[in-house]
Amino acid sequence: MFSGFVRKARVALLIGVWLLSGCAGVRLVDTQVNSFAPQAIAAGASYQFARLPSQMADPVNQEKLEKLAEQALAKVGLRRQNNAPLRVQVSAVQRQEHAMNQDGVGIGWGLGWVFGHGAISMGNDGTLFPGLDARPTYWRQVSLIMRNASGAVVFESHASHEGIWSDGEVVLAAMLDAALQGFPTPPAGVRQVNIEIPR
C-alpha cells in the first residue's frame, strides 16, 4: 500500500513538473550515473564500435544508437576510426510505465529497446486526476563499455533516467553525455548528473 502511494506521488510530481515547465525553453534530464575507470585512456584516442550478436541482428537501430554515442564520445576527445585498438560497446533499454488509477494501483508496464521495438503493455489506461489524461513515464538506461586491444575493460559507465519525455533519441543523447561526465577519470560511486536539453 505504501509503495503504491509513493509511486502515485512520483507520477503526480512528474506531471506537475511537466505542466509548470510548459513555457520553459529547456528540459532537465536528471540522470543517475555510475562509472568505473580501471585503466587510463590516452587523450585523443581512436576507437571502433563492437556489437553483441543481438545488436548485430538489429543493425538499423544499433546504428542510430552508435551515432548518438559517437557525438558524445567526440565531446570528450575520442574519435571513431576503423581498426582502432579501443573498442566501444554501447547499449540502451527502455521501460514504459503507465500512470496509476485513482486507487494507486499500477495499470500497466512495457519493456523494449529504445529504437523501433514495440513495448509489451498490460492493462488499460486510466486517469490520475479528473479531467487530466494520464501520461506514461519512461525509464531508460544506457551503458558504455570500452575495452583495449587485449579485451580488458578500461572504462565502464551506466546511466539511468526516469521521466515523462517520449522522444527517446533526444533524451538518450543527454544520458550518454551524462555517462561520460568526468571522462577519463570520473568520480567514484553513484552520482546525479543534470543535463539540460531543448524543449
Protein backbone atom coordinates (compact mmCIF):
# COMPACT_ATOMS: atom_id res chain seq x y z
CA MET A 1 0.00 0.00 0.00
CA PHE A 2 2.81 2.40 0.94
CA SER A 3 4.72 1.64 -2.26
CA GLY A 4 1.56 2.38 -4.24
CA PHE A 5 1.27 5.77 -2.51
CA VAL A 6 4.93 6.60 -3.26
CA ARG A 7 4.52 5.62 -6.90
CA LYS A 8 1.37 7.71 -7.24
CA ALA A 9 3.12 10.70 -5.65
CA ARG A 10 6.07 10.35 -8.03
CA VAL A 11 3.83 10.27 -11.10
CA ALA A 12 1.92 13.30 -9.80
CA LEU A 13 5.20 15.15 -9.27
CA LEU A 14 6.41 14.35 -12.79
CA ILE A 15 3.16 15.58 -14.29
CA GLY A 16 3.29 18.72 -12.12
CA VAL A 17 6.80 19.50 -13.29
CA TRP A 18 5.71 18.96 -16.88
CA LEU A 19 2.77 21.34 -16.50
CA LEU A 20 4.76 24.03 -14.70
CA SER A 21 7.59 23.91 -17.22
CA GLY A 22 5.29 24.30 -20.22
CA CYS A 23 6.67 27.76 -21.02
CA ALA A 24 10.31 26.93 -20.35
CA GLY A 25 12.78 26.66 -23.20
CA VAL A 26 14.73 23.71 -21.79
CA ARG A 27 14.09 20.39 -20.08
CA LEU A 28 16.18 18.81 -17.33
CA VAL A 29 17.35 15.22 -17.73
CA ASP A 30 18.40 14.17 -14.21
CA THR A 31 20.47 11.04 -14.67
CA GLN A 32 21.89 8.58 -12.14
CA VAL A 33 25.41 7.66 -13.27
CA ASN A 34 27.85 5.01 -12.06
CA SER A 35 31.26 4.88 -13.78
CA PHE A 36 34.44 2.82 -13.44
CA ALA A 37 37.85 3.55 -14.96
CA PRO A 38 40.26 0.73 -14.07
CA GLN A 39 42.86 1.80 -16.66
CA ALA A 40 43.88 5.12 -18.17
CA ILE A 41 42.83 6.03 -21.70
CA ALA A 42 45.10 8.30 -23.71
CA ALA A 43 43.74 11.70 -24.67
CA GLY A 44 42.52 11.79 -28.26
CA ALA A 45 42.41 8.00 -28.56
CA SER A 46 40.62 6.46 -31.52
CA TYR A 47 38.02 3.73 -31.19
CA GLN A 48 35.69 1.48 -33.11
CA PHE A 49 32.30 0.13 -32.09
CA ALA A 50 31.87 -3.51 -31.11
CA ARG A 51 28.48 -5.22 -31.26
CA LEU A 52 26.93 -8.15 -29.46
CA PRO A 53 25.16 -10.79 -31.59
CA SER A 54 21.77 -9.39 -30.51
CA GLN A 55 22.86 -5.93 -31.65
CA MET A 56 24.10 -7.28 -34.97
CA ALA A 57 20.62 -8.73 -35.51
CA ASP A 58 19.16 -5.21 -35.46
CA PRO A 59 21.76 -3.11 -37.31
CA VAL A 60 19.48 -0.17 -38.17
CA ASN A 61 18.56 0.67 -34.59
CA GLN A 62 22.05 -0.07 -33.31
CA GLU A 63 23.49 2.31 -35.88
CA LYS A 64 21.19 5.07 -34.60
CA LEU A 65 22.39 4.47 -31.05
CA GLU A 66 26.03 4.43 -32.13
CA LYS A 67 25.58 7.76 -33.95
CA LEU A 68 24.38 9.30 -30.68
CA ALA A 69 27.29 7.72 -28.83
CA GLU A 70 29.76 8.97 -31.45
CA GLN A 71 28.62 12.55 -30.82
CA ALA A 72 29.02 12.13 -27.05
CA LEU A 73 32.43 10.47 -27.41
CA ALA A 74 33.64 13.29 -29.67
CA LYS A 75 32.86 15.78 -26.88
CA VAL A 76 35.39 14.00 -24.62
CA GLY A 77 38.07 13.89 -27.33
CA LEU A 78 37.65 10.36 -28.72
CA ARG A 79 37.42 9.82 -32.46
CA ARG A 80 35.91 6.95 -34.40
CA GLN A 81 38.26 5.08 -36.72
CA ASN A 82 38.17 1.68 -38.40
CA ASN A 83 40.51 -0.92 -36.90
CA ALA A 84 41.22 1.20 -33.82
CA PRO A 85 42.53 -0.79 -30.83
CA LEU A 86 39.96 0.67 -28.41
CA ARG A 87 36.57 -0.99 -28.76
CA VAL A 88 33.38 0.64 -27.50
CA GLN A 89 30.17 -1.25 -26.85
CA VAL A 90 27.03 0.86 -26.35
CA SER A 91 23.57 -0.41 -25.41
CA ALA A 92 20.26 1.10 -24.35
CA VAL A 93 16.98 -0.16 -22.97
CA GLN A 94 13.66 1.49 -22.20
CA ARG A 95 10.73 0.54 -19.98
CA GLN A 96 7.43 2.36 -20.33
CA GLU A 97 5.25 2.56 -17.24
CA HIS A 98 1.67 3.76 -17.34
CA ALA A 99 0.16 6.01 -14.71
CA MET A 100 -1.84 4.60 -11.81
CA ASN A 101 -5.56 4.82 -11.35
CA GLN A 102 -7.26 6.77 -8.57
CA ASP A 103 -6.74 3.90 -6.10
CA GLY A 104 -2.98 3.95 -6.59
CA VAL A 105 -2.96 0.64 -8.45
CA GLY A 106 -0.50 0.23 -11.28
CA ILE A 107 -2.27 -0.44 -14.57
CA GLY A 108 0.44 -1.41 -16.98
CA TRP A 109 4.05 -1.68 -17.99
CA GLY A 110 6.12 -2.17 -21.08
CA LEU A 111 9.65 -3.20 -21.97
CA GLY A 112 11.53 -2.80 -25.20
CA TRP A 113 14.53 -1.37 -26.94
CA VAL A 114 14.54 2.38 -27.33
CA PHE A 115 14.62 2.30 -31.12
CA GLY A 116 11.98 0.59 -33.17
CA HIS A 117 10.91 -2.21 -30.86
CA GLY A 118 7.30 -2.15 -29.72
CA ALA A 119 6.74 -2.35 -25.98
CA ILE A 120 4.53 -5.01 -24.43
CA SER A 121 1.72 -3.45 -22.45
CA MET A 122 -0.81 -4.84 -19.99
CA GLY A 123 -4.00 -3.35 -18.58
CA ASN A 124 -5.95 -0.25 -19.53
CA ASP A 125 -5.04 3.40 -19.44
CA GLY A 126 -6.55 5.37 -16.59
CA THR A 127 -6.79 8.93 -15.34
CA LEU A 128 -4.74 10.09 -12.38
CA PHE A 129 -6.65 13.35 -11.93
CA PRO A 130 -10.21 14.11 -13.09
CA GLY A 131 -10.08 15.97 -16.40
CA LEU A 132 -6.37 15.21 -16.95
CA ASP A 133 -5.27 12.39 -19.22
CA ALA A 134 -2.73 10.01 -17.73
CA ARG A 135 0.80 10.28 -19.14
CA PRO A 136 3.18 7.34 -19.20
CA THR A 137 6.64 7.62 -17.72
CA TYR A 138 9.77 6.19 -19.32
CA TRP A 139 12.66 4.53 -17.52
CA ARG A 140 15.78 4.38 -19.68
CA GLN A 141 19.32 3.11 -19.20
CA VAL A 142 22.40 3.47 -21.38
CA SER A 143 25.67 1.61 -20.95
CA LEU A 144 29.13 2.26 -22.36
CA ILE A 145 31.91 -0.30 -22.06
CA MET A 146 35.39 0.28 -23.50
CA ARG A 147 37.98 -2.46 -23.97
CA ASN A 148 41.60 -2.27 -25.05
CA ALA A 149 43.26 -4.44 -27.71
CA SER A 150 43.67 -7.33 -25.26
CA GLY A 151 39.97 -7.25 -24.33
CA ALA A 152 40.42 -5.79 -20.83
CA VAL A 153 37.78 -3.28 -19.72
CA VAL A 154 39.33 0.18 -19.37
CA PHE A 155 36.13 2.20 -18.87
CA GLU A 156 32.56 1.34 -17.92
CA SER A 157 29.62 3.66 -17.31
CA HIS A 158 25.90 3.18 -16.79
CA ALA A 159 23.33 5.99 -16.74
CA SER A 160 19.61 5.74 -15.93
CA HIS A 161 16.76 8.24 -16.02
CA GLU A 162 13.02 8.19 -15.45
CA GLY A 163 10.83 10.91 -16.90
CA ILE A 164 7.80 11.77 -19.00
CA TRP A 165 9.62 12.64 -22.23
CA SER A 166 8.72 10.30 -25.07
CA ASP A 167 11.40 11.50 -27.55
CA GLY A 168 13.86 8.76 -26.72
CA GLU A 169 16.70 9.76 -29.03
CA VAL A 170 16.98 13.28 -27.58
CA VAL A 171 16.91 12.00 -24.01
CA LEU A 172 19.41 9.24 -24.80
CA ALA A 173 21.85 11.77 -26.24
CA ALA A 174 21.75 13.67 -22.95
CA MET A 175 22.14 10.46 -20.97
CA LEU A 176 25.23 9.50 -22.99
CA ASP A 177 26.74 12.91 -22.23
CA ALA A 178 26.00 12.28 -18.55
CA ALA A 179 27.56 8.80 -18.68
CA LEU A 180 30.80 10.34 -19.96
CA GLN A 181 30.95 13.23 -17.49
CA GLY A 182 34.40 13.31 -15.89
CA PHE A 183 35.94 11.04 -18.56
CA PRO A 184 38.54 9.56 -18.44
CA THR A 185 38.73 9.72 -14.62
CA PRO A 186 35.13 10.04 -13.39
CA PRO A 187 34.22 10.33 -9.70
CA ALA A 188 33.71 7.06 -7.83
CA GLY A 189 30.25 5.95 -6.79
CA VAL A 190 26.73 6.69 -7.95
CA ARG A 191 26.08 10.36 -8.66
CA GLN A 192 23.39 12.51 -10.23
CA VAL A 193 24.25 14.38 -13.40
CA ASN A 194 21.84 17.02 -14.69
CA ILE A 195 21.80 17.77 -18.42
CA GLU A 196 19.58 20.44 -19.97
CA ILE A 197 18.10 19.77 -23.39
CA PRO A 198 15.93 21.97 -25.65
CA ARG A 199 12.17 21.70 -25.34
